[in-house]
Amino acid sequence: MFIELLRKRRSIRRFQDRSVEAEKLDILVEAILRSPSSRGLKPWHFVFVTDTDTIARLAQSKAHGSAFLASAPLAVVVCADPAKSDVWVEDASIASLIVHLCSTDLGLGSCWIQIRKRERDDRQSAEAHVIETLGLNPGVKVEAIVAIGYPAEEKPGHEFSTLLFDRVSYEMFGKAKG
């Protein structure tokens, strides 16, 4: 069941030195292309990267929070064209979630690396670094990179008791259940 997938999914930042098989890569591509999109505009673009040198460069996108990408055998760069949709951020975020969940379903681990509105250093944004590294078309914006691979760490799912039920209202904001 889908809830079981959600119960076990965790962000994984350490990966085995093992490639993602072509069959699984193809499933990830299909899954991300099936992502919902507002008004069916599909403003997104995806760059699947397996080249270790390119992944190493992408791992330097931010001063903090991207270095672990260097150990991943697959990086999925999630981009979009804002000229195609005013809700490109939402569409790209949904697609990122789809590839996370599909990764878990395939026995892979994954972790989101925020790129949009993040800095690399005093001279360059994280987005500019990714655009330069991948040669993206002008106007295309980078939302995130998703690191994917076979987990080299095990993390249990979040305990039911840690869920923030106090953030759920019924019928009106602030109203508890029944």
N, C-alpha and C. Protein backbone atom coordinates (compact mmCIF):
# COMPACT_ATOMS: atom_id res chain seq x y z
N MET A 1 0.83 -1.19 0.00
CA MET A 1 0.00 0.00 0.00
C MET A 1 0.87 1.25 0.00
N PHE A 2 0.33 2.31 -0.53
CA PHE A 2 1.05 3.57 -0.63
C PHE A 2 1.48 4.09 0.74
N ILE A 3 0.63 3.94 1.75
CA ILE A 3 0.98 4.44 3.09
C ILE A 3 2.22 3.75 3.62
N GLU A 4 2.42 2.49 3.27
CA GLU A 4 3.63 1.78 3.71
C GLU A 4 4.88 2.40 3.10
N LEU A 5 4.78 2.81 1.85
CA LEU A 5 5.90 3.49 1.19
C LEU A 5 6.23 4.79 1.93
N LEU A 6 5.20 5.55 2.27
CA LEU A 6 5.42 6.79 3.00
C LEU A 6 5.99 6.53 4.40
N ARG A 7 5.57 5.46 5.01
CA ARG A 7 6.05 5.14 6.35
C ARG A 7 7.52 4.79 6.39
N LYS A 8 8.05 4.24 5.30
CA LYS A 8 9.45 3.83 5.32
C LYS A 8 10.41 4.83 4.65
N ARG A 9 9.90 5.75 3.83
CA ARG A 9 10.78 6.67 3.11
C ARG A 9 11.50 7.63 4.06
N ARG A 10 12.80 7.75 3.86
CA ARG A 10 13.64 8.69 4.61
C ARG A 10 14.65 9.30 3.66
N SER A 11 15.16 10.45 3.99
CA SER A 11 16.22 11.06 3.19
C SER A 11 17.51 10.29 3.43
N ILE A 12 18.14 9.88 2.35
CA ILE A 12 19.38 9.11 2.41
C ILE A 12 20.50 9.96 1.81
N ARG A 13 21.60 10.08 2.56
CA ARG A 13 22.71 10.92 2.12
C ARG A 13 24.01 10.13 1.93
N ARG A 14 23.95 8.83 2.17
CA ARG A 14 25.12 7.98 1.95
C ARG A 14 24.70 6.83 1.05
N PHE A 15 25.50 6.62 0.01
CA PHE A 15 25.12 5.64 -1.02
C PHE A 15 26.22 4.61 -1.23
N GLN A 16 25.81 3.41 -1.60
CA GLN A 16 26.75 2.36 -1.96
C GLN A 16 27.42 2.73 -3.28
N ASP A 17 28.60 2.18 -3.48
CA ASP A 17 29.32 2.38 -4.74
C ASP A 17 28.77 1.36 -5.74
N ARG A 18 27.58 1.66 -6.21
CA ARG A 18 26.84 0.74 -7.08
C ARG A 18 25.94 1.56 -7.98
N SER A 19 26.00 1.30 -9.27
CA SER A 19 25.18 2.04 -10.24
C SER A 19 23.72 1.65 -10.14
N VAL A 20 22.88 2.56 -10.55
CA VAL A 20 21.45 2.28 -10.68
C VAL A 20 21.26 1.63 -12.05
N GLU A 21 20.63 0.47 -12.06
CA GLU A 21 20.44 -0.28 -13.30
C GLU A 21 19.61 0.52 -14.31
N ALA A 22 19.88 0.27 -15.59
CA ALA A 22 19.19 0.98 -16.68
C ALA A 22 17.67 0.80 -16.58
N GLU A 23 17.23 -0.39 -16.18
CA GLU A 23 15.78 -0.64 -16.07
C GLU A 23 15.15 0.26 -15.01
N LYS A 24 15.84 0.43 -13.88
CA LYS A 24 15.34 1.30 -12.82
C LYS A 24 15.40 2.76 -13.24
N LEU A 25 16.44 3.13 -13.94
CA LEU A 25 16.55 4.50 -14.45
C LEU A 25 15.39 4.80 -15.39
N ASP A 26 15.05 3.85 -16.24
CA ASP A 26 13.93 4.03 -17.17
C ASP A 26 12.61 4.20 -16.41
N ILE A 27 12.43 3.44 -15.33
CA ILE A 27 11.21 3.57 -14.53
C ILE A 27 11.17 4.95 -13.86
N LEU A 28 12.30 5.42 -13.35
CA LEU A 28 12.36 6.75 -12.75
C LEU A 28 11.99 7.83 -13.77
N VAL A 29 12.49 7.70 -14.98
CA VAL A 29 12.16 8.66 -16.04
C VAL A 29 10.66 8.64 -16.32
N GLU A 30 10.11 7.44 -16.49
CA GLU A 30 8.67 7.35 -16.75
C GLU A 30 7.85 7.95 -15.61
N ALA A 31 8.25 7.63 -14.37
CA ALA A 31 7.49 8.13 -13.21
C ALA A 31 7.51 9.65 -13.16
N ILE A 32 8.67 10.25 -13.35
CA ILE A 32 8.76 11.71 -13.25
C ILE A 32 7.98 12.39 -14.37
N LEU A 33 7.95 11.76 -15.54
CA LEU A 33 7.20 12.32 -16.67
C LEU A 33 5.69 12.16 -16.49
N ARG A 34 5.27 11.30 -15.57
CA ARG A 34 3.85 11.14 -15.26
C ARG A 34 3.39 12.07 -14.14
N SER A 35 4.28 12.94 -13.68
CA SER A 35 3.95 13.85 -12.59
C SER A 35 2.80 14.77 -12.95
N PRO A 36 1.92 15.03 -11.98
CA PRO A 36 0.85 16.01 -12.21
C PRO A 36 1.44 17.38 -12.48
N SER A 37 0.71 18.15 -13.28
CA SER A 37 1.16 19.50 -13.62
C SER A 37 -0.07 20.39 -13.76
N SER A 38 0.01 21.56 -13.18
CA SER A 38 -1.12 22.50 -13.24
C SER A 38 -1.51 22.78 -14.69
N ARG A 39 -2.79 22.62 -14.96
CA ARG A 39 -3.36 22.85 -16.29
C ARG A 39 -2.68 22.02 -17.38
N GLY A 40 -1.95 20.99 -16.98
CA GLY A 40 -1.27 20.12 -17.94
C GLY A 40 -0.18 20.82 -18.73
N LEU A 41 0.36 21.92 -18.20
CA LEU A 41 1.36 22.71 -18.95
C LEU A 41 2.76 22.08 -18.94
N LYS A 42 3.06 21.29 -17.95
CA LYS A 42 4.33 20.55 -17.87
C LYS A 42 5.55 21.42 -18.20
N PRO A 43 5.81 22.43 -17.37
CA PRO A 43 6.92 23.34 -17.65
C PRO A 43 8.29 22.76 -17.31
N TRP A 44 8.31 21.55 -16.76
CA TRP A 44 9.55 21.01 -16.25
C TRP A 44 10.46 20.42 -17.33
N HIS A 45 11.73 20.35 -16.93
CA HIS A 45 12.79 19.66 -17.68
C HIS A 45 13.60 18.91 -16.64
N PHE A 46 14.12 17.75 -17.01
CA PHE A 46 14.88 16.93 -16.07
C PHE A 46 16.20 16.53 -16.73
N VAL A 47 17.27 16.62 -15.97
CA VAL A 47 18.57 16.16 -16.45
C VAL A 47 19.00 15.02 -15.53
N PHE A 48 19.06 13.81 -16.09
CA PHE A 48 19.52 12.64 -15.35
C PHE A 48 21.02 12.52 -15.58
N VAL A 49 21.79 12.57 -14.50
CA VAL A 49 23.25 12.59 -14.59
C VAL A 49 23.82 11.37 -13.90
N THR A 50 24.62 10.60 -14.63
CA THR A 50 25.33 9.45 -14.06
C THR A 50 26.84 9.60 -14.16
N ASP A 51 27.31 10.56 -14.91
CA ASP A 51 28.74 10.79 -15.07
C ASP A 51 29.32 11.27 -13.73
N THR A 52 30.31 10.54 -13.20
CA THR A 52 30.83 10.85 -11.87
C THR A 52 31.50 12.22 -11.79
N ASP A 53 32.15 12.65 -12.87
CA ASP A 53 32.78 13.98 -12.86
C ASP A 53 31.72 15.09 -12.79
N THR A 54 30.66 14.92 -13.55
CA THR A 54 29.58 15.92 -13.53
C THR A 54 28.88 15.93 -12.18
N ILE A 55 28.64 14.75 -11.62
CA ILE A 55 28.03 14.68 -10.30
C ILE A 55 28.93 15.36 -9.27
N ALA A 56 30.24 15.15 -9.38
CA ALA A 56 31.18 15.79 -8.45
C ALA A 56 31.09 17.32 -8.56
N ARG A 57 30.94 17.83 -9.76
CA ARG A 57 30.78 19.28 -9.93
C ARG A 57 29.46 19.77 -9.34
N LEU A 58 28.40 19.00 -9.57
CA LEU A 58 27.10 19.37 -9.00
C LEU A 58 27.13 19.33 -7.47
N ALA A 59 27.94 18.44 -6.91
CA ALA A 59 28.06 18.32 -5.45
C ALA A 59 28.67 19.58 -4.84
N GLN A 60 29.26 20.42 -5.67
CA GLN A 60 29.86 21.68 -5.21
C GLN A 60 28.93 22.86 -5.44
N SER A 61 27.65 22.60 -5.65
CA SER A 61 26.68 23.65 -5.96
C SER A 61 26.44 24.61 -4.80
N LYS A 62 26.59 24.12 -3.58
CA LYS A 62 26.34 24.95 -2.40
C LYS A 62 27.48 24.78 -1.40
N ALA A 63 27.66 25.80 -0.58
CA ALA A 63 28.69 25.71 0.46
C ALA A 63 28.35 24.62 1.47
N HIS A 64 27.05 24.43 1.73
CA HIS A 64 26.59 23.43 2.69
C HIS A 64 25.37 22.70 2.12
N GLY A 65 25.33 21.39 2.33
CA GLY A 65 24.13 20.65 1.98
C GLY A 65 24.10 20.01 0.62
N SER A 66 25.21 20.03 -0.11
CA SER A 66 25.22 19.35 -1.41
C SER A 66 26.40 18.40 -1.58
N ALA A 67 27.38 18.45 -0.70
CA ALA A 67 28.59 17.65 -0.86
C ALA A 67 28.31 16.15 -0.91
N PHE A 68 27.30 15.68 -0.16
CA PHE A 68 26.99 14.25 -0.14
C PHE A 68 26.61 13.71 -1.52
N LEU A 69 26.19 14.60 -2.42
CA LEU A 69 25.81 14.17 -3.77
C LEU A 69 26.97 13.45 -4.46
N ALA A 70 28.20 13.79 -4.11
CA ALA A 70 29.37 13.19 -4.76
C ALA A 70 29.38 11.67 -4.66
N SER A 71 28.74 11.11 -3.63
CA SER A 71 28.74 9.65 -3.48
C SER A 71 27.55 8.99 -4.17
N ALA A 72 26.65 9.77 -4.72
CA ALA A 72 25.47 9.21 -5.38
C ALA A 72 25.79 8.81 -6.82
N PRO A 73 25.28 7.67 -7.26
CA PRO A 73 25.51 7.27 -8.64
C PRO A 73 24.58 7.95 -9.64
N LEU A 74 23.54 8.63 -9.13
CA LEU A 74 22.57 9.29 -10.00
C LEU A 74 22.13 10.61 -9.38
N ALA A 75 22.13 11.63 -10.20
CA ALA A 75 21.59 12.93 -9.80
C ALA A 75 20.51 13.29 -10.81
N VAL A 76 19.35 13.68 -10.29
CA VAL A 76 18.27 14.14 -11.16
C VAL A 76 18.10 15.63 -10.88
N VAL A 77 18.41 16.42 -11.89
CA VAL A 77 18.30 17.87 -11.76
C VAL A 77 16.92 18.26 -12.28
N VAL A 78 16.15 18.88 -11.41
CA VAL A 78 14.76 19.23 -11.71
C VAL A 78 14.70 20.72 -12.02
N CYS A 79 14.32 21.02 -13.25
CA CYS A 79 14.29 22.39 -13.75
C CYS A 79 12.91 22.68 -14.31
N ALA A 80 12.67 23.95 -14.62
CA ALA A 80 11.41 24.32 -15.26
C ALA A 80 11.56 25.63 -15.99
N ASP A 81 10.64 25.88 -16.90
CA ASP A 81 10.61 27.11 -17.68
C ASP A 81 9.48 27.98 -17.15
N PRO A 82 9.81 29.07 -16.41
CA PRO A 82 8.77 29.94 -15.86
C PRO A 82 7.89 30.59 -16.92
N ALA A 83 8.38 30.69 -18.15
CA ALA A 83 7.57 31.28 -19.22
C ALA A 83 6.40 30.38 -19.60
N LYS A 84 6.48 29.09 -19.25
CA LYS A 84 5.41 28.15 -19.59
C LYS A 84 4.32 28.08 -18.52
N SER A 85 4.67 28.43 -17.28
CA SER A 85 3.69 28.33 -16.21
C SER A 85 4.08 29.20 -15.02
N ASP A 86 3.09 29.88 -14.46
CA ASP A 86 3.36 30.70 -13.29
C ASP A 86 3.51 29.87 -12.02
N VAL A 87 3.16 28.59 -12.08
CA VAL A 87 3.31 27.71 -10.93
C VAL A 87 4.37 26.63 -11.20
N TRP A 88 5.42 27.04 -11.89
CA TRP A 88 6.50 26.11 -12.21
C TRP A 88 7.17 25.55 -10.97
N VAL A 89 7.27 26.34 -9.90
CA VAL A 89 7.90 25.86 -8.66
C VAL A 89 7.10 24.69 -8.10
N GLU A 90 5.80 24.84 -8.06
CA GLU A 90 4.96 23.78 -7.55
C GLU A 90 5.04 22.53 -8.42
N ASP A 91 4.98 22.71 -9.74
CA ASP A 91 5.05 21.57 -10.65
C ASP A 91 6.39 20.84 -10.52
N ALA A 92 7.48 21.60 -10.42
CA ALA A 92 8.81 21.00 -10.27
C ALA A 92 8.92 20.28 -8.92
N SER A 93 8.32 20.86 -7.89
CA SER A 93 8.37 20.23 -6.57
C SER A 93 7.59 18.93 -6.54
N ILE A 94 6.44 18.91 -7.19
CA ILE A 94 5.64 17.68 -7.27
C ILE A 94 6.45 16.60 -8.01
N ALA A 95 7.08 16.97 -9.11
CA ALA A 95 7.88 16.01 -9.87
C ALA A 95 9.02 15.47 -9.01
N SER A 96 9.63 16.33 -8.21
CA SER A 96 10.71 15.89 -7.32
C SER A 96 10.19 14.86 -6.32
N LEU A 97 9.02 15.10 -5.77
CA LEU A 97 8.44 14.16 -4.83
C LEU A 97 8.14 12.82 -5.50
N ILE A 98 7.65 12.87 -6.72
CA ILE A 98 7.36 11.64 -7.46
C ILE A 98 8.63 10.81 -7.61
N VAL A 99 9.75 11.44 -7.96
CA VAL A 99 10.99 10.68 -8.16
C VAL A 99 11.51 10.16 -6.81
N HIS A 100 11.29 10.89 -5.72
CA HIS A 100 11.65 10.39 -4.39
C HIS A 100 10.87 9.12 -4.06
N LEU A 101 9.56 9.18 -4.22
CA LEU A 101 8.72 8.03 -3.87
C LEU A 101 8.99 6.83 -4.77
N CYS A 102 9.19 7.09 -6.04
CA CYS A 102 9.51 5.99 -6.97
C CYS A 102 10.85 5.36 -6.60
N SER A 103 11.81 6.18 -6.21
CA SER A 103 13.12 5.65 -5.79
C SER A 103 12.95 4.69 -4.62
N THR A 104 12.19 5.10 -3.63
CA THR A 104 11.95 4.25 -2.47
C THR A 104 11.28 2.95 -2.88
N ASP A 105 10.30 3.05 -3.76
CA ASP A 105 9.59 1.87 -4.23
C ASP A 105 10.52 0.90 -4.95
N LEU A 106 11.56 1.42 -5.58
CA LEU A 106 12.52 0.59 -6.31
C LEU A 106 13.67 0.08 -5.42
N GLY A 107 13.61 0.38 -4.12
CA GLY A 107 14.68 -0.06 -3.21
C GLY A 107 15.87 0.87 -3.20
N LEU A 108 15.69 2.08 -3.72
CA LEU A 108 16.76 3.07 -3.76
C LEU A 108 16.54 4.11 -2.66
N GLY A 109 17.59 4.83 -2.34
CA GLY A 109 17.48 5.94 -1.42
C GLY A 109 17.58 7.24 -2.20
N SER A 110 17.10 8.32 -1.59
CA SER A 110 17.15 9.62 -2.27
C SER A 110 17.17 10.74 -1.26
N CYS A 111 17.63 11.90 -1.71
CA CYS A 111 17.61 13.08 -0.87
C CYS A 111 17.55 14.33 -1.75
N TRP A 112 16.69 15.25 -1.34
CA TRP A 112 16.50 16.53 -2.02
C TRP A 112 17.65 17.47 -1.69
N ILE A 113 18.14 18.18 -2.70
CA ILE A 113 19.12 19.25 -2.51
C ILE A 113 18.49 20.51 -3.08
N GLN A 114 18.14 21.43 -2.23
CA GLN A 114 17.53 22.69 -2.66
C GLN A 114 18.55 23.51 -3.43
N ILE A 115 18.17 23.99 -4.60
CA ILE A 115 19.04 24.85 -5.41
C ILE A 115 18.45 26.25 -5.55
N ARG A 116 17.15 26.31 -5.85
CA ARG A 116 16.50 27.61 -6.03
C ARG A 116 16.65 28.45 -4.78
N LYS A 117 17.06 29.68 -4.97
CA LYS A 117 17.24 30.66 -3.88
C LYS A 117 18.33 30.28 -2.88
N ARG A 118 19.33 29.53 -3.34
CA ARG A 118 20.47 29.18 -2.49
C ARG A 118 21.75 29.71 -3.14
N GLU A 119 22.73 30.00 -2.30
CA GLU A 119 24.00 30.53 -2.78
C GLU A 119 25.07 29.45 -2.77
N ARG A 120 25.97 29.57 -3.72
CA ARG A 120 27.15 28.69 -3.75
C ARG A 120 28.26 29.33 -2.94
N ASP A 121 28.50 30.60 -3.25
CA ASP A 121 29.50 31.39 -2.53
C ASP A 121 29.19 32.87 -2.76
N ASP A 122 30.11 33.73 -2.42
CA ASP A 122 29.87 35.18 -2.56
C ASP A 122 29.77 35.63 -4.01
N ARG A 123 30.25 34.82 -4.92
CA ARG A 123 30.29 35.22 -6.32
C ARG A 123 29.24 34.58 -7.21
N GLN A 124 28.65 33.48 -6.76
CA GLN A 124 27.77 32.72 -7.66
C GLN A 124 26.64 32.04 -6.87
N SER A 125 25.46 32.05 -7.47
CA SER A 125 24.35 31.32 -6.87
C SER A 125 24.49 29.83 -7.18
N ALA A 126 23.82 29.02 -6.38
CA ALA A 126 23.81 27.58 -6.63
C ALA A 126 23.20 27.30 -8.00
N GLU A 127 22.14 28.04 -8.32
CA GLU A 127 21.47 27.85 -9.61
C GLU A 127 22.41 28.16 -10.78
N ALA A 128 23.15 29.26 -10.68
CA ALA A 128 24.09 29.63 -11.76
C ALA A 128 25.14 28.54 -11.96
N HIS A 129 25.60 27.96 -10.86
CA HIS A 129 26.59 26.88 -10.95
C HIS A 129 26.01 25.67 -11.68
N VAL A 130 24.77 25.29 -11.35
CA VAL A 130 24.14 24.15 -12.01
C VAL A 130 23.91 24.46 -13.49
N ILE A 131 23.42 25.65 -13.78
CA ILE A 131 23.17 26.06 -15.17
C ILE A 131 24.46 25.98 -15.98
N GLU A 132 25.54 26.49 -15.41
CA GLU A 132 26.84 26.46 -16.07
C GLU A 132 27.35 25.03 -16.24
N THR A 133 27.22 24.22 -15.21
CA THR A 133 27.71 22.84 -15.25
C THR A 133 26.99 22.01 -16.32
N LEU A 134 25.68 22.21 -16.45
CA LEU A 134 24.89 21.39 -17.36
C LEU A 134 24.58 22.05 -18.70
N GLY A 135 24.94 23.32 -18.86
CA GLY A 135 24.67 24.01 -20.12
C GLY A 135 23.19 24.17 -20.39
N LEU A 136 22.43 24.50 -19.35
CA LEU A 136 20.98 24.64 -19.50
C LEU A 136 20.62 25.83 -20.39
N ASN A 137 19.49 25.72 -21.04
CA ASN A 137 19.01 26.80 -21.92
C ASN A 137 18.71 28.06 -21.11
N PRO A 138 18.88 29.23 -21.74
CA PRO A 138 18.52 30.47 -21.06
C PRO A 138 17.04 30.47 -20.66
N GLY A 139 16.76 31.01 -19.50
CA GLY A 139 15.39 31.08 -19.02
C GLY A 139 14.96 29.90 -18.18
N VAL A 140 15.64 28.78 -18.29
CA VAL A 140 15.30 27.61 -17.49
C VAL A 140 15.80 27.84 -16.07
N LYS A 141 14.93 27.55 -15.09
CA LYS A 141 15.26 27.72 -13.67
C LYS A 141 15.47 26.35 -13.04
N VAL A 142 16.35 26.30 -12.06
CA VAL A 142 16.65 25.05 -11.37
C VAL A 142 15.97 25.06 -10.01
N GLU A 143 15.13 24.08 -9.76
CA GLU A 143 14.46 23.93 -8.48
C GLU A 143 15.32 23.16 -7.48
N ALA A 144 15.78 21.98 -7.90
CA ALA A 144 16.48 21.11 -6.96
C ALA A 144 17.27 20.05 -7.71
N ILE A 145 18.10 19.36 -6.95
CA ILE A 145 18.77 18.15 -7.42
C ILE A 145 18.33 17.05 -6.47
N VAL A 146 17.99 15.89 -7.03
CA VAL A 146 17.66 14.74 -6.19
C VAL A 146 18.79 13.72 -6.35
N ALA A 147 19.46 13.44 -5.24
CA ALA A 147 20.51 12.42 -5.21
C ALA A 147 19.83 11.07 -5.06
N ILE A 148 20.24 10.10 -5.87
CA ILE A 148 19.60 8.78 -5.86
C ILE A 148 20.66 7.69 -5.94
N GLY A 149 20.46 6.62 -5.19
CA GLY A 149 21.34 5.46 -5.25
C GLY A 149 20.92 4.42 -4.24
N TYR A 150 21.69 3.34 -4.20
CA TYR A 150 21.44 2.31 -3.20
C TYR A 150 21.94 2.81 -1.85
N PRO A 151 21.09 2.76 -0.84
CA PRO A 151 21.47 3.31 0.47
C PRO A 151 22.67 2.58 1.09
N ALA A 152 23.56 3.38 1.68
CA ALA A 152 24.68 2.84 2.45
C ALA A 152 24.41 3.09 3.93
N GLU A 153 23.19 3.47 4.24
CA GLU A 153 22.77 3.69 5.62
C GLU A 153 21.32 3.25 5.74
N GLU A 154 20.97 2.80 6.92
CA GLU A 154 19.58 2.41 7.17
C GLU A 154 18.99 3.36 8.19
N LYS A 155 17.82 3.85 7.88
CA LYS A 155 17.11 4.73 8.79
C LYS A 155 15.69 4.19 8.92
N PRO A 156 15.23 4.06 10.15
CA PRO A 156 13.84 3.63 10.30
C PRO A 156 12.90 4.76 9.90
N GLY A 157 11.70 4.39 9.53
CA GLY A 157 10.70 5.41 9.23
C GLY A 157 10.41 6.23 10.48
N HIS A 158 9.83 7.38 10.29
CA HIS A 158 9.47 8.23 11.42
C HIS A 158 8.36 7.55 12.23
N GLU A 159 8.50 7.59 13.52
CA GLU A 159 7.51 6.99 14.41
C GLU A 159 6.17 7.71 14.30
N PHE A 160 5.09 6.95 14.40
CA PHE A 160 3.75 7.51 14.37
C PHE A 160 3.59 8.60 15.43
N SER A 161 4.21 8.39 16.58
CA SER A 161 4.09 9.33 17.69
C SER A 161 4.74 10.69 17.40
N THR A 162 5.58 10.76 16.36
CA THR A 162 6.23 12.04 16.02
C THR A 162 5.43 12.87 15.02
N LEU A 163 4.34 12.31 14.50
CA LEU A 163 3.54 13.04 13.53
C LEU A 163 2.85 14.22 14.22
N LEU A 164 2.77 15.33 13.55
CA LEU A 164 2.27 16.58 14.13
C LEU A 164 0.76 16.72 13.94
N PHE A 165 0.02 15.89 14.63
CA PHE A 165 -1.43 15.91 14.52
C PHE A 165 -2.03 17.24 15.00
N ASP A 166 -1.30 17.97 15.83
CA ASP A 166 -1.80 19.27 16.30
C ASP A 166 -1.82 20.31 15.18
N ARG A 167 -1.24 19.99 14.04
CA ARG A 167 -1.25 20.89 12.89
C ARG A 167 -2.39 20.60 11.93
N VAL A 168 -3.26 19.67 12.31
CA VAL A 168 -4.40 19.30 11.47
C VAL A 168 -5.67 19.83 12.12
N SER A 169 -6.44 20.57 11.35
CA SER A 169 -7.74 21.08 11.81
C SER A 169 -8.84 20.40 11.01
N TYR A 170 -10.04 20.43 11.58
CA TYR A 170 -11.20 19.85 10.92
C TYR A 170 -12.30 20.90 10.80
N GLU A 171 -12.74 21.11 9.58
CA GLU A 171 -13.83 22.03 9.24
C GLU A 171 -13.43 23.50 9.34
N MET A 172 -12.74 23.92 10.39
CA MET A 172 -12.28 25.29 10.57
C MET A 172 -10.87 25.23 11.17
N PHE A 173 -10.07 26.23 10.84
CA PHE A 173 -8.71 26.26 11.40
C PHE A 173 -8.76 26.26 12.92
N GLY A 174 -7.94 25.40 13.51
CA GLY A 174 -7.85 25.32 14.96
C GLY A 174 -8.84 24.40 15.62
N LYS A 175 -9.75 23.82 14.83
CA LYS A 175 -10.77 22.95 15.40
C LYS A 175 -10.29 21.51 15.41
N ALA A 176 -10.33 20.89 16.59
CA ALA A 176 -9.90 19.50 16.73
C ALA A 176 -10.95 18.56 16.15
N LYS A 177 -10.52 17.34 15.94
CA LYS A 177 -11.42 16.32 15.41
C LYS A 177 -12.53 16.01 16.39
N GLY A 178 -13.76 15.92 15.85
CA GLY A 178 -14.95 15.49 16.43
C GLY A 178 -15.30 15.64 17.81
